[in-house]
Amino acid sequence: MTSSADGAGRSARRVLVLLNPGTGRQTWLPSTLKDLRARGGPNLGLVVPDPTDQEEQLREAKAVVEQGVDAVVVFGGDGMVGLGVNLVAQREIPLGIVPTGSGNDFARAADIPRRHAHALHRVLQALTQHELPVRRVDAMRLKVSRARSSQSDTGPSADCIESADVLERNDNPVRVLWVANSVNIGFDAQVNQRANAQRRVPRKLRYLVALAQEVPQFRAVEFVLQLDSGPGVRQKSSLVCIQNGSSIGGGIPLAPRARIDDGWAEVSHIEPLSRAGMVTLFPVLMLRMHRLLKPLTTRQIRHVRVEVPPQVPVFADGEELHSERSSVAVGTVVEATLIPGAVLIVD
């Protein structure tokens, strides 16, 4: 599809709109799309792949981006933001965000209104301006692979990683992708996994319900963490979290100093806690009383490598990358590199 021109000779702005399948069931969606088209008029050409088939939606989205677009707009939570970032990172294509998910942690970090009507109004105003207002933010480039007995084989370097792809190196598939907000390993990932299955629980309560259910059976496990160029350190942890934004789980400020445009990521790990300690962990974080959490350590980094034991889940932007139900008997290696200014977002 090609861009058309209006009477003033300006080319129509071509915009890819991606809807979360859950968003597609919302009653306000038809009026929202109508509003988008009406407000944009002849100067806004919308491409809206059908969200009911996620694989087909992604295939069409990739094809549209390759053909050329002026912006991508996503409706959804952190998972949809992550999808958008994988389409636009280092491509100089602005990303507009209308948060309609249960967590919306990246939107929170980016100071985007979390009421979808307000966020949509902001995006529409930006898209109809002659010069699209944007700002540059950081993103994390992630590599996930199976652990090897020989640690000298570290897989492809960060410089050769392609976004949202899978590379084969010998017999070890290496998944590489972009992450907008956070990579969650251990307890928080297990809570995410359970929350995603809570279909009958209201979306805003899923994380808290899953948290209460997960605490009684949780056990700390041993990870190996290597921060930047330092040595790998083996230690037991309840949780390992790599963050670009400051919050996880729908507003829990695990790393309150984190900023999405400061050129740093933050990695947190929490030493083994009792069940009582796990129960009080997130309320204490919500109250921003981090000084009381002696087992919590948070450090600024630009690169981190984590060796994850078998059957420990790994999530990125709320989406599962590795399941605790995996039958693979070896662990997982997760490497994250902070890339400053990798993404343009509509401001």
C-alpha atoms as a PDB file:
ATOM      1  CA  MET A   1       0.000   0.000   0.000  1.00  0.00           C
ATOM      2  CA  THR A   2       1.313   3.406  -0.905  1.00  0.00           C
ATOM      3  CA  SER A   3       0.845   6.757   0.779  1.00  0.00           C
ATOM      4  CA  SER A   4      -1.535   9.240  -0.768  1.00  0.00           C
ATOM      5  CA  ALA A   5      -1.312  13.026  -0.683  1.00  0.00           C
ATOM      6  CA  ASP A   6      -3.847  15.576   0.512  1.00  0.00           C
ATOM      7  CA  GLY A   7      -4.794  18.812  -1.163  1.00  0.00           C
ATOM      8  CA  ALA A   8      -1.839  20.610   0.386  1.00  0.00           C
ATOM      9  CA  GLY A   9       0.567  18.117  -1.137  1.00  0.00           C
ATOM     10  CA  ARG A  10       1.450  16.397   2.129  1.00  0.00           C
ATOM     11  CA  SER A  11       1.773  12.632   2.078  1.00  0.00           C
ATOM     12  CA  ALA A  12      -0.645  10.727   4.276  1.00  0.00           C
ATOM     13  CA  ARG A  13       0.992   9.403   7.416  1.00  0.00           C
ATOM     14  CA  ARG A  14       0.909   5.582   7.272  1.00  0.00           C
ATOM     15  CA  VAL A  15       0.330   4.062  10.707  1.00  0.00           C
ATOM     16  CA  LEU A  16       0.377   0.410  11.732  1.00  0.00           C
ATOM     17  CA  VAL A  17      -2.126  -0.220  14.566  1.00  0.00           C
ATOM     18  CA  LEU A  18      -1.668  -3.371  16.661  1.00  0.00           C
ATOM     19  CA  LEU A  19      -4.407  -4.553  19.000  1.00  0.00           C
ATOM     20  CA  ASN A  20      -4.059  -7.033  21.824  1.00  0.00           C
ATOM     21  CA  PRO A  21      -6.452  -9.972  21.244  1.00  0.00           C
ATOM     22  CA  GLY A  22      -7.952  -9.193  24.677  1.00  0.00           C
ATOM     23  CA  THR A  23      -8.339  -5.569  23.657  1.00  0.00           C
ATOM     24  CA  GLY A  24     -10.260  -6.728  20.597  1.00  0.00           C
ATOM     25  CA  ARG A  25     -13.061  -7.983  22.836  1.00  0.00           C
ATOM     26  CA  GLN A  26     -13.569  -4.610  24.510  1.00  0.00           C
ATOM     27  CA  THR A  27     -16.839  -2.857  23.671  1.00  0.00           C
ATOM     28  CA  TRP A  28     -15.108   0.497  23.144  1.00  0.00           C
ATOM     29  CA  LEU A  29     -12.882  -0.813  20.338  1.00  0.00           C
ATOM     30  CA  PRO A  30     -15.141  -0.116  17.304  1.00  0.00           C
ATOM     31  CA  SER A  31     -15.702   3.482  18.380  1.00  0.00           C
ATOM     32  CA  THR A  32     -11.975   3.887  19.028  1.00  0.00           C
ATOM     33  CA  LEU A  33     -11.044   2.757  15.524  1.00  0.00           C
ATOM     34  CA  LYS A  34     -13.773   4.985  14.082  1.00  0.00           C
ATOM     35  CA  ASP A  35     -12.365   7.906  16.078  1.00  0.00           C
ATOM     36  CA  LEU A  36      -8.858   7.160  14.813  1.00  0.00           C
ATOM     37  CA  ARG A  37     -10.001   7.225  11.211  1.00  0.00           C
ATOM     38  CA  ALA A  38     -12.218  10.287  11.664  1.00  0.00           C
ATOM     39  CA  ARG A  39      -9.586  12.331  13.490  1.00  0.00           C
ATOM     40  CA  GLY A  40      -6.856  11.383  11.074  1.00  0.00           C
ATOM     41  CA  GLY A  41      -8.929  12.085   7.982  1.00  0.00           C
ATOM     42  CA  PRO A  42      -7.120  11.814   4.654  1.00  0.00           C
ATOM     43  CA  ASN A  43      -3.781  12.523   6.358  1.00  0.00           C
ATOM     44  CA  LEU A  44      -3.783   9.279   8.354  1.00  0.00           C
ATOM     45  CA  GLY A  45      -3.715   5.899   6.651  1.00  0.00           C
ATOM     46  CA  LEU A  46      -4.329   3.085   9.159  1.00  0.00           C
ATOM     47  CA  VAL A  47      -3.227  -0.503   8.700  1.00  0.00           C
ATOM     48  CA  VAL A  48      -4.940  -2.729  11.312  1.00  0.00           C
ATOM     49  CA  PRO A  49      -4.065  -6.465  11.168  1.00  0.00           C
ATOM     50  CA  ASP A  50      -6.706  -8.840  12.556  1.00  0.00           C
ATOM     51  CA  PRO A  51      -5.691  -9.530  16.197  1.00  0.00           C
ATOM     52  CA  THR A  52      -7.639 -12.791  16.529  1.00  0.00           C
ATOM     53  CA  ASP A  53      -4.750 -14.796  15.011  1.00  0.00           C
ATOM     54  CA  GLN A  54      -1.591 -13.625  16.790  1.00  0.00           C
ATOM     55  CA  GLU A  55       0.846 -15.390  14.454  1.00  0.00           C
ATOM     56  CA  GLU A  56      -0.830 -13.947  11.374  1.00  0.00           C
ATOM     57  CA  GLN A  57      -1.014 -10.522  13.042  1.00  0.00           C
ATOM     58  CA  LEU A  58       2.737 -10.590  13.670  1.00  0.00           C
ATOM     59  CA  ARG A  59       3.525 -11.778  10.131  1.00  0.00           C
ATOM     60  CA  GLU A  60       1.434  -9.000   8.635  1.00  0.00           C
ATOM     61  CA  ALA A  61       2.916  -6.420  11.014  1.00  0.00           C
ATOM     62  CA  LYS A  62       6.480  -7.380  10.010  1.00  0.00           C
ATOM     63  CA  ALA A  63       5.567  -7.164   6.326  1.00  0.00           C
ATOM     64  CA  VAL A  64       3.963  -3.733   6.770  1.00  0.00           C
ATOM     65  CA  VAL A  65       7.017  -2.418   8.616  1.00  0.00           C
ATOM     66  CA  GLU A  66       9.300  -3.708   5.857  1.00  0.00           C
ATOM     67  CA  GLN A  67       7.147  -1.933   3.263  1.00  0.00           C
ATOM     68  CA  GLY A  68       7.481   1.277   5.271  1.00  0.00           C
ATOM     69  CA  VAL A  69       5.412   3.022   7.931  1.00  0.00           C
ATOM     70  CA  ASP A  70       5.584   6.409   9.612  1.00  0.00           C
ATOM     71  CA  ALA A  71       4.562   5.121  13.046  1.00  0.00           C
ATOM     72  CA  VAL A  72       3.380   2.042  14.934  1.00  0.00           C
ATOM     73  CA  VAL A  73       0.646   2.322  17.583  1.00  0.00           C
ATOM     74  CA  VAL A  74      -0.015  -0.505  20.040  1.00  0.00           C
ATOM     75  CA  PHE A  75      -3.121  -1.017  22.193  1.00  0.00           C
ATOM     76  CA  GLY A  76      -2.413  -3.314  25.152  1.00  0.00           C
ATOM     77  CA  GLY A  77      -0.149  -3.911  28.111  1.00  0.00           C
ATOM     78  CA  ASP A  78       3.575  -4.527  28.453  1.00  0.00           C
ATOM     79  CA  GLY A  79       3.438  -7.548  26.164  1.00  0.00           C
ATOM     80  CA  MET A  80       2.088  -5.448  23.290  1.00  0.00           C
ATOM     81  CA  VAL A  81       4.631  -2.719  24.031  1.00  0.00           C
ATOM     82  CA  GLY A  82       7.326  -5.393  23.804  1.00  0.00           C
ATOM     83  CA  LEU A  83       5.920  -6.503  20.445  1.00  0.00           C
ATOM     84  CA  GLY A  84       5.982  -2.920  19.208  1.00  0.00           C
ATOM     85  CA  VAL A  85       9.549  -2.391  20.409  1.00  0.00           C
ATOM     86  CA  ASN A  86      10.666  -5.520  18.549  1.00  0.00           C
ATOM     87  CA  LEU A  87       9.231  -4.017  15.363  1.00  0.00           C
ATOM     88  CA  VAL A  88      10.698  -0.523  15.667  1.00  0.00           C
ATOM     89  CA  ALA A  89      13.936  -0.729  17.722  1.00  0.00           C
ATOM     90  CA  GLN A  90      16.854   0.946  15.921  1.00  0.00           C
ATOM     91  CA  ARG A  91      14.634   1.606  12.889  1.00  0.00           C
ATOM     92  CA  GLU A  92      13.764   5.242  13.683  1.00  0.00           C
ATOM     93  CA  ILE A  93      10.033   4.393  13.511  1.00  0.00           C
ATOM     94  CA  PRO A  94       8.095   6.102  16.332  1.00  0.00           C
ATOM     95  CA  LEU A  95       6.023   3.920  18.657  1.00  0.00           C
ATOM     96  CA  GLY A  96       2.732   5.193  20.078  1.00  0.00           C
ATOM     97  CA  ILE A  97       1.322   3.457  23.162  1.00  0.00           C
ATOM     98  CA  VAL A  98      -2.306   3.248  24.325  1.00  0.00           C
ATOM     99  CA  PRO A  99      -2.185   1.237  27.597  1.00  0.00           C
ATOM    100  CA  THR A 100      -5.101  -1.151  27.984  1.00  0.00           C
ATOM    101  CA  GLY A 101      -3.382  -4.008  29.852  1.00  0.00           C
ATOM    102  CA  SER A 102      -3.409  -5.098  33.472  1.00  0.00           C
ATOM    103  CA  GLY A 103       0.150  -3.994  34.278  1.00  0.00           C
ATOM    104  CA  ASN A 104       1.190  -1.143  31.957  1.00  0.00           C
ATOM    105  CA  ASP A 105       4.549  -0.767  33.684  1.00  0.00           C
ATOM    106  CA  PHE A 106       6.353   0.669  30.666  1.00  0.00           C
ATOM    107  CA  ALA A 107       3.579   3.218  30.139  1.00  0.00           C
ATOM    108  CA  ARG A 108       3.982   4.173  33.797  1.00  0.00           C
ATOM    109  CA  ALA A 109       7.741   4.617  33.325  1.00  0.00           C
ATOM    110  CA  ALA A 110       7.184   6.707  30.194  1.00  0.00           C
ATOM    111  CA  ASP A 111       4.606   8.995  31.905  1.00  0.00           C
ATOM    112  CA  ILE A 112       1.926   7.922  29.432  1.00  0.00           C
ATOM    113  CA  PRO A 113      -1.655   8.353  30.745  1.00  0.00           C
ATOM    114  CA  ARG A 114      -2.901   4.931  31.830  1.00  0.00           C
ATOM    115  CA  ARG A 115      -6.544   5.702  31.060  1.00  0.00           C
ATOM    116  CA  HIS A 116      -6.846   4.572  27.471  1.00  0.00           C
ATOM    117  CA  ALA A 117      -9.082   7.484  26.438  1.00  0.00           C
ATOM    118  CA  HIS A 118      -6.509  10.038  27.586  1.00  0.00           C
ATOM    119  CA  ALA A 119      -3.617   8.127  26.037  1.00  0.00           C
ATOM    120  CA  LEU A 120      -5.496   7.764  22.754  1.00  0.00           C
ATOM    121  CA  HIS A 121      -6.232  11.500  22.663  1.00  0.00           C
ATOM    122  CA  ARG A 122      -2.525  12.199  23.187  1.00  0.00           C
ATOM    123  CA  VAL A 123      -1.477   9.814  20.398  1.00  0.00           C
ATOM    124  CA  LEU A 124      -4.095  11.240  18.009  1.00  0.00           C
ATOM    125  CA  GLN A 125      -2.940  14.776  18.670  1.00  0.00           C
ATOM    126  CA  ALA A 126       0.646  13.753  17.931  1.00  0.00           C
ATOM    127  CA  LEU A 127      -0.201  11.828  14.746  1.00  0.00           C
ATOM    128  CA  THR A 128      -2.075  14.760  13.241  1.00  0.00           C
ATOM    129  CA  GLN A 129       0.762  17.251  13.802  1.00  0.00           C
ATOM    130  CA  HIS A 130       2.959  18.163  10.845  1.00  0.00           C
ATOM    131  CA  GLU A 131       6.085  17.225  12.816  1.00  0.00           C
ATOM    132  CA  LEU A 132       5.483  14.095  14.864  1.00  0.00           C
ATOM    133  CA  PRO A 133       6.649  14.792  18.467  1.00  0.00           C
ATOM    134  CA  VAL A 134       8.891  11.977  19.683  1.00  0.00           C
ATOM    135  CA  ARG A 135      11.455  11.242  22.345  1.00  0.00           C
ATOM    136  CA  ARG A 136      14.198   8.674  22.499  1.00  0.00           C
ATOM    137  CA  VAL A 137      14.264   5.938  25.166  1.00  0.00           C
ATOM    138  CA  ASP A 138      16.437   2.938  25.946  1.00  0.00           C
ATOM    139  CA  ALA A 139      15.652  -0.725  25.362  1.00  0.00           C
ATOM    140  CA  MET A 140      17.300  -4.007  26.300  1.00  0.00           C
ATOM    141  CA  ARG A 141      18.555  -6.504  23.764  1.00  0.00           C
ATOM    142  CA  LEU A 142      18.059  -9.997  25.125  1.00  0.00           C
ATOM    143  CA  LYS A 143      19.580 -13.342  24.223  1.00  0.00           C
ATOM    144  CA  VAL A 144      18.142 -16.577  25.647  1.00  0.00           C
ATOM    145  CA  SER A 145      19.789 -19.950  25.090  1.00  0.00           C
ATOM    146  CA  ARG A 146      20.269 -23.333  26.727  1.00  0.00           C
ATOM    147  CA  ALA A 147      23.142 -23.619  29.160  1.00  0.00           C
ATOM    148  CA  ARG A 148      26.239 -25.458  27.966  1.00  0.00           C
ATOM    149  CA  SER A 149      28.754 -27.449  29.925  1.00  0.00           C
ATOM    150  CA  SER A 150      31.510 -25.376  28.356  1.00  0.00           C
ATOM    151  CA  GLN A 151      31.138 -21.738  29.333  1.00  0.00           C
ATOM    152  CA  SER A 152      33.608 -20.669  26.649  1.00  0.00           C
ATOM    153  CA  ASP A 153      30.868 -20.940  24.023  1.00  0.00           C
ATOM    154  CA  THR A 154      28.827 -17.826  24.626  1.00  0.00           C
ATOM    155  CA  GLY A 155      26.952 -17.717  21.330  1.00  0.00           C
ATOM    156  CA  PRO A 156      26.735 -14.798  18.913  1.00  0.00           C
ATOM    157  CA  SER A 157      27.987 -11.426  20.070  1.00  0.00           C
ATOM    158  CA  ALA A 158      25.553  -8.628  20.869  1.00  0.00           C
ATOM    159  CA  ASP A 159      26.646  -6.798  17.710  1.00  0.00           C
ATOM    160  CA  CYS A 160      25.225  -9.493  15.405  1.00  0.00           C
ATOM    161  CA  ILE A 161      21.860  -9.907  17.130  1.00  0.00           C
ATOM    162  CA  GLU A 162      18.785  -9.361  14.984  1.00  0.00           C
ATOM    163  CA  SER A 163      15.583  -8.250  16.711  1.00  0.00           C
ATOM    164  CA  ALA A 164      12.851 -10.826  17.458  1.00  0.00           C
ATOM    165  CA  ASP A 165      14.687 -13.683  15.750  1.00  0.00           C
ATOM    166  CA  VAL A 166      16.057 -17.140  16.438  1.00  0.00           C
ATOM    167  CA  LEU A 167      19.634 -18.025  15.550  1.00  0.00           C
ATOM    168  CA  GLU A 168      20.972 -21.565  15.331  1.00  0.00           C
ATOM    169  CA  ARG A 169      24.463 -22.103  16.672  1.00  0.00           C
ATOM    170  CA  ASN A 170      25.415 -25.758  16.418  1.00  0.00           C
ATOM    171  CA  ASP A 171      22.500 -27.558  18.121  1.00  0.00           C
ATOM    172  CA  ASN A 172      21.605 -24.723  20.486  1.00  0.00           C
ATOM    173  CA  PRO A 173      18.777 -22.404  19.372  1.00  0.00           C
ATOM    174  CA  VAL A 174      19.393 -18.852  20.560  1.00  0.00           C
ATOM    175  CA  ARG A 175      16.385 -16.582  20.832  1.00  0.00           C
ATOM    176  CA  VAL A 176      17.142 -12.882  20.515  1.00  0.00           C
ATOM    177  CA  LEU A 177      14.666 -10.083  21.055  1.00  0.00           C
ATOM    178  CA  TRP A 178      14.154  -6.564  22.367  1.00  0.00           C
ATOM    179  CA  VAL A 179      12.704  -5.871  25.812  1.00  0.00           C
ATOM    180  CA  ALA A 180      11.009  -2.613  26.785  1.00  0.00           C
ATOM    181  CA  ASN A 181      10.522  -2.827  30.550  1.00  0.00           C
ATOM    182  CA  SER A 182      11.786  -5.909  32.400  1.00  0.00           C
ATOM    183  CA  VAL A 183      13.142  -9.446  32.378  1.00  0.00           C
ATOM    184  CA  ASN A 184      11.797 -11.478  35.304  1.00  0.00           C
ATOM    185  CA  ILE A 185      13.443 -14.669  36.580  1.00  0.00           C
ATOM    186  CA  GLY A 186      12.443 -16.765  39.572  1.00  0.00           C
ATOM    187  CA  PHE A 187       9.654 -15.817  41.969  1.00  0.00           C
ATOM    188  CA  ASP A 188       8.294 -12.851  40.033  1.00  0.00           C
ATOM    189  CA  ALA A 189       8.284 -14.913  36.828  1.00  0.00           C
ATOM    190  CA  GLN A 190       6.369 -17.692  38.589  1.00  0.00           C
ATOM    191  CA  VAL A 191       3.807 -15.151  39.793  1.00  0.00           C
ATOM    192  CA  ASN A 192       3.535 -13.840  36.217  1.00  0.00           C
ATOM    193  CA  GLN A 193       3.017 -17.363  34.945  1.00  0.00           C
ATOM    194  CA  ARG A 194       0.225 -18.038  37.423  1.00  0.00           C
ATOM    195  CA  ALA A 195      -1.356 -14.614  36.870  1.00  0.00           C
ATOM    196  CA  ASN A 196      -1.573 -15.206  33.125  1.00  0.00           C
ATOM    197  CA  ALA A 197      -3.645 -18.327  33.828  1.00  0.00           C
ATOM    198  CA  GLN A 198      -6.126 -16.491  36.108  1.00  0.00           C
ATOM    199  CA  ARG A 199      -8.710 -15.910  33.401  1.00  0.00           C
ATOM    200  CA  ARG A 200     -11.658 -15.704  35.784  1.00  0.00           C
ATOM    201  CA  VAL A 201     -10.006 -13.161  38.084  1.00  0.00           C
ATOM    202  CA  PRO A 202     -10.393  -9.441  37.239  1.00  0.00           C
ATOM    203  CA  ARG A 203      -7.296  -8.326  35.350  1.00  0.00           C
ATOM    204  CA  LYS A 204      -6.239  -5.738  37.920  1.00  0.00           C
ATOM    205  CA  LEU A 205      -6.254  -8.371  40.683  1.00  0.00           C
ATOM    206  CA  ARG A 206      -4.561 -11.255  38.864  1.00  0.00           C
ATOM    207  CA  TYR A 207      -1.031 -10.450  40.009  1.00  0.00           C
ATOM    208  CA  LEU A 208      -2.019 -10.099  43.683  1.00  0.00           C
ATOM    209  CA  VAL A 209      -4.071 -13.316  43.642  1.00  0.00           C
ATOM    210  CA  ALA A 210      -1.222 -15.182  41.951  1.00  0.00           C
ATOM    211  CA  LEU A 211       1.232 -13.766  44.499  1.00  0.00           C
ATOM    212  CA  ALA A 212      -0.804 -15.128  47.404  1.00  0.00           C
ATOM    213  CA  GLN A 213      -1.060 -18.539  45.733  1.00  0.00           C
ATOM    214  CA  GLU A 214       2.616 -18.803  44.834  1.00  0.00           C
ATOM    215  CA  VAL A 215       4.208 -17.897  48.184  1.00  0.00           C
ATOM    216  CA  PRO A 216       3.478 -21.149  50.098  1.00  0.00           C
ATOM    217  CA  GLN A 217       5.271 -23.366  47.581  1.00  0.00           C
ATOM    218  CA  PHE A 218       8.145 -21.117  46.544  1.00  0.00           C
ATOM    219  CA  ARG A 219      11.787 -22.062  47.155  1.00  0.00           C
ATOM    220  CA  ALA A 220      14.873 -19.950  46.447  1.00  0.00           C
ATOM    221  CA  VAL A 221      17.265 -21.377  43.835  1.00  0.00           C
ATOM    222  CA  GLU A 222      20.903 -20.885  42.875  1.00  0.00           C
ATOM    223  CA  PHE A 223      21.777 -18.566  39.995  1.00  0.00           C
ATOM    224  CA  VAL A 224      25.076 -17.377  38.533  1.00  0.00           C
ATOM    225  CA  LEU A 225      25.132 -13.618  37.926  1.00  0.00           C
ATOM    226  CA  GLN A 226      27.774 -11.824  35.903  1.00  0.00           C
ATOM    227  CA  LEU A 227      27.436  -8.024  35.898  1.00  0.00           C
ATOM    228  CA  ASP A 228      29.143  -6.111  33.083  1.00  0.00           C
ATOM    229  CA  SER A 229      32.732  -7.362  32.830  1.00  0.00           C
ATOM    230  CA  GLY A 230      32.872  -8.734  36.389  1.00  0.00           C
ATOM    231  CA  PRO A 231      33.225 -12.383  37.350  1.00  0.00           C
ATOM    232  CA  GLY A 232      30.283 -14.773  37.547  1.00  0.00           C
ATOM    233  CA  VAL A 233      29.018 -15.073  41.126  1.00  0.00           C
ATOM    234  CA  ARG A 234      27.020 -18.111  42.241  1.00  0.00           C
ATOM    235  CA  GLN A 235      24.368 -17.268  44.820  1.00  0.00           C
ATOM    236  CA  LYS A 236      20.948 -18.333  46.032  1.00  0.00           C
ATOM    237  CA  SER A 237      18.208 -15.864  45.174  1.00  0.00           C
ATOM    238  CA  SER A 238      14.463 -15.629  45.507  1.00  0.00           C
ATOM    239  CA  LEU A 239      14.196 -13.298  42.544  1.00  0.00           C
ATOM    240  CA  VAL A 240      16.363 -11.852  39.777  1.00  0.00           C
ATOM    241  CA  CYS A 241      14.938  -8.958  37.789  1.00  0.00           C
ATOM    242  CA  ILE A 242      16.568  -6.874  35.044  1.00  0.00           C
ATOM    243  CA  GLN A 243      14.785  -3.554  34.521  1.00  0.00           C
ATOM    244  CA  ASN A 244      14.709  -0.653  32.139  1.00  0.00           C
ATOM    245  CA  GLY A 245      11.617   0.840  33.791  1.00  0.00           C
ATOM    246  CA  SER A 246      11.206   1.257  37.535  1.00  0.00           C
ATOM    247  CA  SER A 247       8.214  -0.996  38.253  1.00  0.00           C
ATOM    248  CA  ILE A 248       6.982  -4.556  37.711  1.00  0.00           C
ATOM    249  CA  GLY A 249       3.693  -6.349  38.333  1.00  0.00           C
ATOM    250  CA  GLY A 250       1.470  -3.348  37.662  1.00  0.00           C
ATOM    251  CA  GLY A 251       3.218  -0.668  39.697  1.00  0.00           C
ATOM    252  CA  ILE A 252       5.513  -2.433  42.198  1.00  0.00           C
ATOM    253  CA  PRO A 253       8.584  -0.123  42.324  1.00  0.00           C
ATOM    254  CA  LEU A 254      11.308  -2.746  42.607  1.00  0.00           C
ATOM    255  CA  ALA A 255      13.938  -0.356  41.193  1.00  0.00           C
ATOM    256  CA  PRO A 256      12.559   3.127  41.895  1.00  0.00           C
ATOM    257  CA  ARG A 257      15.675   4.904  40.562  1.00  0.00           C
ATOM    258  CA  ALA A 258      15.442   3.263  37.132  1.00  0.00           C
ATOM    259  CA  ARG A 259      14.786   5.559  34.182  1.00  0.00           C
ATOM    260  CA  ILE A 260      14.031   4.535  30.619  1.00  0.00           C
ATOM    261  CA  ASP A 261      16.287   7.228  29.146  1.00  0.00           C
ATOM    262  CA  ASP A 262      19.379   7.289  31.373  1.00  0.00           C
ATOM    263  CA  GLY A 263      21.532   4.756  29.496  1.00  0.00           C
ATOM    264  CA  TRP A 264      21.474   2.216  32.348  1.00  0.00           C
ATOM    265  CA  ALA A 265      19.554  -0.898  33.283  1.00  0.00           C
ATOM    266  CA  GLU A 266      19.122  -2.050  36.876  1.00  0.00           C
ATOM    267  CA  VAL A 267      19.433  -5.627  38.081  1.00  0.00           C
ATOM    268  CA  SER A 268      17.898  -6.638  41.401  1.00  0.00           C
ATOM    269  CA  HIS A 269      18.285  -9.866  43.294  1.00  0.00           C
ATOM    270  CA  ILE A 270      16.754 -10.857  46.585  1.00  0.00           C
ATOM    271  CA  GLU A 271      18.481 -13.321  48.883  1.00  0.00           C
ATOM    272  CA  PRO A 272      16.444 -16.275  50.213  1.00  0.00           C
ATOM    273  CA  LEU A 273      13.482 -15.185  52.320  1.00  0.00           C
ATOM    274  CA  SER A 274      11.145 -17.017  54.663  1.00  0.00           C
ATOM    275  CA  ARG A 275       7.509 -17.384  53.665  1.00  0.00           C
ATOM    276  CA  ALA A 276       6.646 -14.496  55.951  1.00  0.00           C
ATOM    277  CA  GLY A 277       9.348 -12.445  54.253  1.00  0.00           C
ATOM    278  CA  MET A 278       7.945 -13.278  50.812  1.00  0.00           C
ATOM    279  CA  VAL A 279       4.436 -12.278  51.925  1.00  0.00           C
ATOM    280  CA  THR A 280       5.633  -8.875  53.136  1.00  0.00           C
ATOM    281  CA  LEU A 281       8.098  -8.284  50.277  1.00  0.00           C
ATOM    282  CA  PHE A 282       5.805  -6.583  47.785  1.00  0.00           C
ATOM    283  CA  PRO A 283       3.809  -4.514  50.309  1.00  0.00           C
ATOM    284  CA  VAL A 284       7.119  -3.133  51.599  1.00  0.00           C
ATOM    285  CA  LEU A 285       8.171  -2.339  48.031  1.00  0.00           C
ATOM    286  CA  MET A 286       4.846  -0.644  47.323  1.00  0.00           C
ATOM    287  CA  LEU A 287       5.420   1.558  50.381  1.00  0.00           C
ATOM    288  CA  ARG A 288       8.887   2.394  48.983  1.00  0.00           C
ATOM    289  CA  MET A 289      10.521   1.247  52.216  1.00  0.00           C
ATOM    290  CA  HIS A 290      13.399  -0.406  50.380  1.00  0.00           C
ATOM    291  CA  ARG A 291      15.819   0.425  53.194  1.00  0.00           C
ATOM    292  CA  LEU A 292      14.058  -2.210  55.313  1.00  0.00           C
ATOM    293  CA  LEU A 293      14.782  -4.928  52.761  1.00  0.00           C
ATOM    294  CA  LYS A 294      18.318  -5.947  53.647  1.00  0.00           C
ATOM    295  CA  PRO A 295      18.176  -9.011  51.339  1.00  0.00           C
ATOM    296  CA  LEU A 296      17.479  -6.759  48.324  1.00  0.00           C
ATOM    297  CA  THR A 297      20.425  -5.617  46.197  1.00  0.00           C
ATOM    298  CA  THR A 298      19.981  -3.394  43.135  1.00  0.00           C
ATOM    299  CA  ARG A 299      22.814  -2.301  40.848  1.00  0.00           C
ATOM    300  CA  GLN A 300      23.089  -0.231  37.682  1.00  0.00           C
ATOM    301  CA  ILE A 301      24.489  -2.204  34.752  1.00  0.00           C
ATOM    302  CA  ARG A 302      24.759  -2.139  30.985  1.00  0.00           C
ATOM    303  CA  HIS A 303      25.171  -5.871  30.509  1.00  0.00           C
ATOM    304  CA  VAL A 304      24.216  -8.860  32.627  1.00  0.00           C
ATOM    305  CA  ARG A 305      24.470 -12.604  32.151  1.00  0.00           C
ATOM    306  CA  VAL A 306      22.357 -14.950  34.284  1.00  0.00           C
ATOM    307  CA  GLU A 307      22.690 -18.730  34.407  1.00  0.00           C
ATOM    308  CA  VAL A 308      19.223 -19.998  35.316  1.00  0.00           C
ATOM    309  CA  PRO A 309      18.620 -23.513  36.720  1.00  0.00           C
ATOM    310  CA  PRO A 310      16.284 -25.944  34.919  1.00  0.00           C
ATOM    311  CA  GLN A 311      12.534 -25.511  35.414  1.00  0.00           C
ATOM    312  CA  VAL A 312      12.862 -21.871  36.499  1.00  0.00           C
ATOM    313  CA  PRO A 313      10.602 -19.635  34.363  1.00  0.00           C
ATOM    314  CA  VAL A 314      11.842 -16.579  32.488  1.00  0.00           C
ATOM    315  CA  PHE A 315       9.495 -13.764  31.453  1.00  0.00           C
ATOM    316  CA  ALA A 316      10.108 -10.570  29.486  1.00  0.00           C
ATOM    317  CA  ASP A 317       7.565  -7.733  29.417  1.00  0.00           C
ATOM    318  CA  GLY A 318       5.003 -10.069  30.973  1.00  0.00           C
ATOM    319  CA  GLU A 319       5.385 -12.743  28.271  1.00  0.00           C
ATOM    320  CA  GLU A 320       6.787 -16.210  28.898  1.00  0.00           C
ATOM    321  CA  LEU A 321      10.152 -17.006  27.286  1.00  0.00           C
ATOM    322  CA  HIS A 322      10.991 -20.171  29.229  1.00  0.00           C
ATOM    323  CA  SER A 323       8.597 -22.264  31.281  1.00  0.00           C
ATOM    324  CA  GLU A 324       9.116 -24.079  34.557  1.00  0.00           C
ATOM    325  CA  ARG A 325       7.185 -26.884  32.876  1.00  0.00           C
ATOM    326  CA  SER A 326       9.922 -27.296  30.268  1.00  0.00           C
ATOM    327  CA  SER A 327      11.124 -30.876  29.812  1.00  0.00           C
ATOM    328  CA  VAL A 328      14.668 -29.680  29.006  1.00  0.00           C
ATOM    329  CA  ALA A 329      16.977 -30.949  31.729  1.00  0.00           C
ATOM    330  CA  VAL A 330      19.572 -28.204  31.324  1.00  0.00           C
ATOM    331  CA  GLY A 331      19.334 -24.635  32.513  1.00  0.00           C
ATOM    332  CA  THR A 332      18.913 -21.407  30.583  1.00  0.00           C
ATOM    333  CA  VAL A 333      21.371 -18.602  29.937  1.00  0.00           C
ATOM    334  CA  VAL A 334      19.902 -15.099  29.789  1.00  0.00           C
ATOM    335  CA  GLU A 335      22.024 -12.174  28.578  1.00  0.00           C
ATOM    336  CA  ALA A 336      20.689  -8.619  28.522  1.00  0.00           C
ATOM    337  CA  THR A 337      22.430  -5.573  27.056  1.00  0.00           C
ATOM    338  CA  LEU A 338      21.080  -2.051  27.557  1.00  0.00           C
ATOM    339  CA  ILE A 339      21.055  -0.124  24.264  1.00  0.00           C
ATOM    340  CA  PRO A 340      20.711   3.624  24.885  1.00  0.00           C
ATOM    341  CA  GLY A 341      18.200   5.495  22.730  1.00  0.00           C
ATOM    342  CA  ALA A 342      17.176   2.414  20.735  1.00  0.00           C
ATOM    343  CA  VAL A 343      13.486   3.387  20.491  1.00  0.00           C
ATOM    344  CA  LEU A 344      11.543   6.494  19.532  1.00  0.00           C
ATOM    345  CA  ILE A 345       8.203   6.853  21.327  1.00  0.00           C
ATOM    346  CA  VAL A 346       5.421   9.270  20.440  1.00  0.00           C
ATOM    347  CA  ASP A 347       5.475  12.049  23.016  1.00  0.00           C
END
